[in-house]
Amino acid sequence: MLVEIRGAGDIATGIALRLHRAGMGVVMCDLPVPTSIRRTVCFSEAIRLGETEVEGVRGVLCADATSARAAAQAGDVAVLVDPEAASTVELAPDALVDAILAKRNLGTTRDMAPVVVGVGPGFTAQVDCDAAVETMRGHYLGRVYYEGSPIPNTAVPGLIGGYAGERVMRAPADGAFEPCVEIGAEVRAGDVCATVAGEPMRATIDGVVRGLLQADVRVTAGMKSGDVDPRCHPEYIRTVSDKASAVGGGVLEAILALSGALADKDGEKGADEKNSGEKNGGAA
């Protein structure tokens, strides 16, 4: 089974790992200059570096749909610069997952693949996708909706180590992002973690830098550009989050359930056609 994923950030990567480990081929699509924060656990880094590795799985940048299919068949996660997912026409995936997490649908439709799954707010099952998966931390995280929509965006990050919005570092101005620390560095509230147009971006809590944009990416004032984890476990930066794993499990469930339903319908259709043919032959 071949699955194409729109987006290659941290949640999309958690999904890709779940699908890959379940034996599915995975092709991911992202922007020419990705804006992923948790770059150590994002297959989008393959676009910048040519290849990357997350939890022992290699992601490789591919030039086109043909090479992406070959890479997926060889056991890698294929990554394409293809923000519109135009490659679906040539790839003809068995399932498509929209994990851009834009809080709204950026063009995904149910006719893009036999099974289409939307991740997070902005999707409605049976309207613009076949199933939608909850991304809000809490009781419903990872739940699959076969009808209806995930919880609307609250614009408030989920709690980690007792902190929510305080974890996020935002660009202080418009301009090129210049990091001053590395992902994994331990910082204290007030430490300068990056600058933009000469303005400092400071940590607001003590902890470990869990995510940070790459150098020279263009940002706008207020744009999410970094993340501090107050739990102070540097090893966490090399593994996907509990949230990404939970959402990935929901996507895996949806694809298996909907693919199985399609297979059952095809089987019933084939049996009906066979029975119809036997009846017609008998009548003759």
Foldseek 3Di string as FASTA:
>chain_A
DEEEEQDFAQLSLLLVVLQLVVPYFYEYEYALADQHWLVLRTQVCCSVVQWHDAPRAIEGEDDALVVQVVCSVVSHHYYYHDNPPPRLVVNQGQEYEYPNPPLADPDQAQPSHVAYEYEDHHDFDPGRGQWYAELAPDDRQLPIGRGGGYDHDPVWADDAPRDINLFWWWAQAWAWKAAPDDQLDWDAFPDFGIHGPNHTTTRHHTATWLTAGDTGDTDHGGHGGTGGHHVHDSVCSRHRDPSSNSNSVSVVVRSVVSVVVVVVVVVVVVVVVVVVVVVVVVVD
